[in-house]
Amino acid sequence: MGWDIVNYWKNYMSPTVTKMAPALVILVGALGLGGCATKGYVREQIAPVSQRVDALETQLQATDGTAKSALAEAQAASGQSQNNGQRIDQLNARVDGIEQRQQESQRKRPRN
């Protein structure tokens, strides 16, 4: 079957077309292969993007560390605030007790 096509080309095509066919095949092949990128070219094109990604990753890690530190400080402050609130409640109870005793002692004093 393959030779039939070759014979068809030789017998029925003009000599100009037959002579140009190999050149046309080479041209199409060169254009097709010209679109392929080499590894070096791809690395060269990706290098700036890769550097930016690395820089952003470094910044993200720093920001993440800052956020974790701030969260730890906020949690510690929240715990301290709760402790302070409990202490204030205890002191208020003591002050209320002292005020009640003071009021009772004033009522029990005879008036002159």
C-alpha atoms as a PDB file:
ATOM      1  CA  MET A   1       0.000   0.000   0.000  1.00  0.00           C
ATOM      2  CA  GLY A   2       2.812   2.428   0.890  1.00  0.00           C
ATOM      3  CA  TRP A   3       4.521   1.907  -2.476  1.00  0.00           C
ATOM      4  CA  ASP A   4       1.272   2.523  -4.303  1.00  0.00           C
ATOM      5  CA  ILE A   5       1.200   6.048  -2.918  1.00  0.00           C
ATOM      6  CA  VAL A   6       4.818   6.647  -3.917  1.00  0.00           C
ATOM      7  CA  ASN A   7       4.128   5.393  -7.454  1.00  0.00           C
ATOM      8  CA  TYR A   8       1.011   7.571  -7.629  1.00  0.00           C
ATOM      9  CA  TRP A   9       3.098  10.610  -6.750  1.00  0.00           C
ATOM     10  CA  LYS A  10       5.748   9.729  -9.319  1.00  0.00           C
ATOM     11  CA  ASN A  11       3.314   8.976 -12.133  1.00  0.00           C
ATOM     12  CA  TYR A  12       0.612  11.582 -11.727  1.00  0.00           C
ATOM     13  CA  MET A  13       2.232  14.570 -10.059  1.00  0.00           C
ATOM     14  CA  SER A  14       4.263  17.120 -11.920  1.00  0.00           C
ATOM     15  CA  PRO A  15       8.022  16.945 -11.539  1.00  0.00           C
ATOM     16  CA  THR A  16       8.011  20.309  -9.719  1.00  0.00           C
ATOM     17  CA  VAL A  17       5.620  19.056  -7.053  1.00  0.00           C
ATOM     18  CA  THR A  18       7.578  15.825  -6.700  1.00  0.00           C
ATOM     19  CA  LYS A  19      10.808  17.734  -6.177  1.00  0.00           C
ATOM     20  CA  MET A  20       9.212  20.101  -3.678  1.00  0.00           C
ATOM     21  CA  ALA A  21       7.533  17.382  -1.621  1.00  0.00           C
ATOM     22  CA  PRO A  22      10.662  16.486   0.418  1.00  0.00           C
ATOM     23  CA  ALA A  23      11.338  20.162   1.033  1.00  0.00           C
ATOM     24  CA  LEU A  24       7.751  20.637   2.149  1.00  0.00           C
ATOM     25  CA  VAL A  25       8.008  17.676   4.528  1.00  0.00           C
ATOM     26  CA  ILE A  26      11.244  19.067   5.978  1.00  0.00           C
ATOM     27  CA  LEU A  27       9.686  22.529   6.368  1.00  0.00           C
ATOM     28  CA  VAL A  28       6.604  21.168   8.139  1.00  0.00           C
ATOM     29  CA  GLY A  29       8.823  19.042  10.391  1.00  0.00           C
ATOM     30  CA  ALA A  30      11.054  21.994  11.250  1.00  0.00           C
ATOM     31  CA  LEU A  31       8.073  24.166  12.099  1.00  0.00           C
ATOM     32  CA  GLY A  32       6.564  21.408  14.194  1.00  0.00           C
ATOM     33  CA  LEU A  33       9.763  20.767  16.112  1.00  0.00           C
ATOM     34  CA  GLY A  34      10.528  24.456  16.445  1.00  0.00           C
ATOM     35  CA  GLY A  35       7.671  24.783  18.909  1.00  0.00           C
ATOM     36  CA  CYS A  36       9.271  22.422  21.419  1.00  0.00           C
ATOM     37  CA  ALA A  37      10.993  24.132  24.325  1.00  0.00           C
ATOM     38  CA  THR A  38      14.264  22.844  25.693  1.00  0.00           C
ATOM     39  CA  LYS A  39      14.705  22.093  29.359  1.00  0.00           C
ATOM     40  CA  GLY A  40      17.149  24.960  29.648  1.00  0.00           C
ATOM     41  CA  TYR A  41      14.684  27.429  28.160  1.00  0.00           C
ATOM     42  CA  VAL A  42      11.918  26.250  30.463  1.00  0.00           C
ATOM     43  CA  ARG A  43      14.190  26.522  33.503  1.00  0.00           C
ATOM     44  CA  GLU A  44      15.227  29.999  32.407  1.00  0.00           C
ATOM     45  CA  GLN A  45      11.620  31.107  32.064  1.00  0.00           C
ATOM     46  CA  ILE A  46      10.493  29.518  35.332  1.00  0.00           C
ATOM     47  CA  ALA A  47      13.445  30.783  37.425  1.00  0.00           C
ATOM     48  CA  PRO A  48      11.982  34.263  38.153  1.00  0.00           C
ATOM     49  CA  VAL A  49       8.616  32.773  39.048  1.00  0.00           C
ATOM     50  CA  SER A  50      10.274  30.189  41.263  1.00  0.00           C
ATOM     51  CA  GLN A  51      12.271  32.923  43.026  1.00  0.00           C
ATOM     52  CA  ARG A  52       9.094  34.932  43.661  1.00  0.00           C
ATOM     53  CA  VAL A  53       7.336  31.847  45.012  1.00  0.00           C
ATOM     54  CA  ASP A  54      10.284  31.167  47.336  1.00  0.00           C
ATOM     55  CA  ALA A  55      10.256  34.787  48.554  1.00  0.00           C
ATOM     56  CA  LEU A  56       6.513  34.689  49.150  1.00  0.00           C
ATOM     57  CA  GLU A  57       6.847  31.397  50.989  1.00  0.00           C
ATOM     58  CA  THR A  58       9.488  32.946  53.266  1.00  0.00           C
ATOM     59  CA  GLN A  59       7.236  35.935  53.925  1.00  0.00           C
ATOM     60  CA  LEU A  60       4.316  33.610  54.619  1.00  0.00           C
ATOM     61  CA  GLN A  61       6.348  31.656  57.153  1.00  0.00           C
ATOM     62  CA  ALA A  62       7.378  34.891  58.890  1.00  0.00           C
ATOM     63  CA  THR A  63       3.780  36.115  58.926  1.00  0.00           C
ATOM     64  CA  ASP A  64       2.602  32.757  60.230  1.00  0.00           C
ATOM     65  CA  GLY A  65       5.170  32.945  63.032  1.00  0.00           C
ATOM     66  CA  THR A  66       4.034  36.456  63.926  1.00  0.00           C
ATOM     67  CA  ALA A  67       0.393  35.390  63.923  1.00  0.00           C
ATOM     68  CA  LYS A  68       1.115  32.379  66.148  1.00  0.00           C
ATOM     69  CA  SER A  69       3.062  34.585  68.548  1.00  0.00           C
ATOM     70  CA  ALA A  70       0.238  37.127  68.675  1.00  0.00           C
ATOM     71  CA  LEU A  71      -2.283  34.339  69.287  1.00  0.00           C
ATOM     72  CA  ALA A  72      -0.199  32.984  72.175  1.00  0.00           C
ATOM     73  CA  GLU A  73       0.047  36.467  73.713  1.00  0.00           C
ATOM     74  CA  ALA A  74      -3.702  37.037  73.288  1.00  0.00           C
ATOM     75  CA  GLN A  75      -4.488  33.703  74.920  1.00  0.00           C
ATOM     76  CA  ALA A  76      -2.161  34.520  77.822  1.00  0.00           C
ATOM     77  CA  ALA A  77      -3.789  37.941  78.213  1.00  0.00           C
ATOM     78  CA  SER A  78      -7.223  36.334  78.155  1.00  0.00           C
ATOM     79  CA  GLY A  79      -6.196  33.923  80.907  1.00  0.00           C
ATOM     80  CA  GLN A  80      -4.764  36.767  82.976  1.00  0.00           C
ATOM     81  CA  SER A  81      -7.934  38.772  82.427  1.00  0.00           C
ATOM     82  CA  GLN A  82     -10.038  35.891  83.711  1.00  0.00           C
ATOM     83  CA  ASN A  83      -7.794  35.585  86.774  1.00  0.00           C
ATOM     84  CA  ASN A  84      -8.062  39.331  87.366  1.00  0.00           C
ATOM     85  CA  GLY A  85     -11.853  39.159  87.043  1.00  0.00           C
ATOM     86  CA  GLN A  86     -12.029  36.368  89.622  1.00  0.00           C
ATOM     87  CA  ARG A  87      -9.761  38.319  91.965  1.00  0.00           C
ATOM     88  CA  ILE A  88     -11.955  41.429  91.587  1.00  0.00           C
ATOM     89  CA  ASP A  89     -15.035  39.339  92.373  1.00  0.00           C
ATOM     90  CA  GLN A  90     -13.338  38.071  95.549  1.00  0.00           C
ATOM     91  CA  LEU A  91     -12.319  41.591  96.565  1.00  0.00           C
ATOM     92  CA  ASN A  92     -15.836  42.899  95.891  1.00  0.00           C
ATOM     93  CA  ALA A  93     -17.247  40.201  98.169  1.00  0.00           C
ATOM     94  CA  ARG A  94     -14.805  41.230 100.916  1.00  0.00           C
ATOM     95  CA  VAL A  95     -15.625  44.922 100.471  1.00  0.00           C
ATOM     96  CA  ASP A  96     -19.352  44.135 100.608  1.00  0.00           C
ATOM     97  CA  GLY A  97     -18.798  42.186 103.842  1.00  0.00           C
ATOM     98  CA  ILE A  98     -16.824  45.057 105.394  1.00  0.00           C
ATOM     99  CA  GLU A  99     -19.481  47.594 104.368  1.00  0.00           C
ATOM    100  CA  GLN A 100     -22.233  45.449 105.910  1.00  0.00           C
ATOM    101  CA  ARG A 101     -20.343  45.142 109.198  1.00  0.00           C
ATOM    102  CA  GLN A 102     -19.688  48.859 109.212  1.00  0.00           C
ATOM    103  CA  GLN A 103     -23.370  49.618 108.654  1.00  0.00           C
ATOM    104  CA  GLU A 104     -24.372  47.184 111.414  1.00  0.00           C
ATOM    105  CA  SER A 105     -21.905  48.701 113.860  1.00  0.00           C
ATOM    106  CA  GLN A 106     -23.270  52.184 113.108  1.00  0.00           C
ATOM    107  CA  ARG A 107     -26.841  51.004 113.753  1.00  0.00           C
ATOM    108  CA  LYS A 108     -25.893  49.402 117.047  1.00  0.00           C
ATOM    109  CA  ARG A 109     -24.186  52.513 118.401  1.00  0.00           C
ATOM    110  CA  PRO A 110     -26.369  54.519 120.689  1.00  0.00           C
ATOM    111  CA  ARG A 111     -27.079  58.020 119.600  1.00  0.00           C
ATOM    112  CA  ASN A 112     -26.215  60.719 122.046  1.00  0.00           C
END
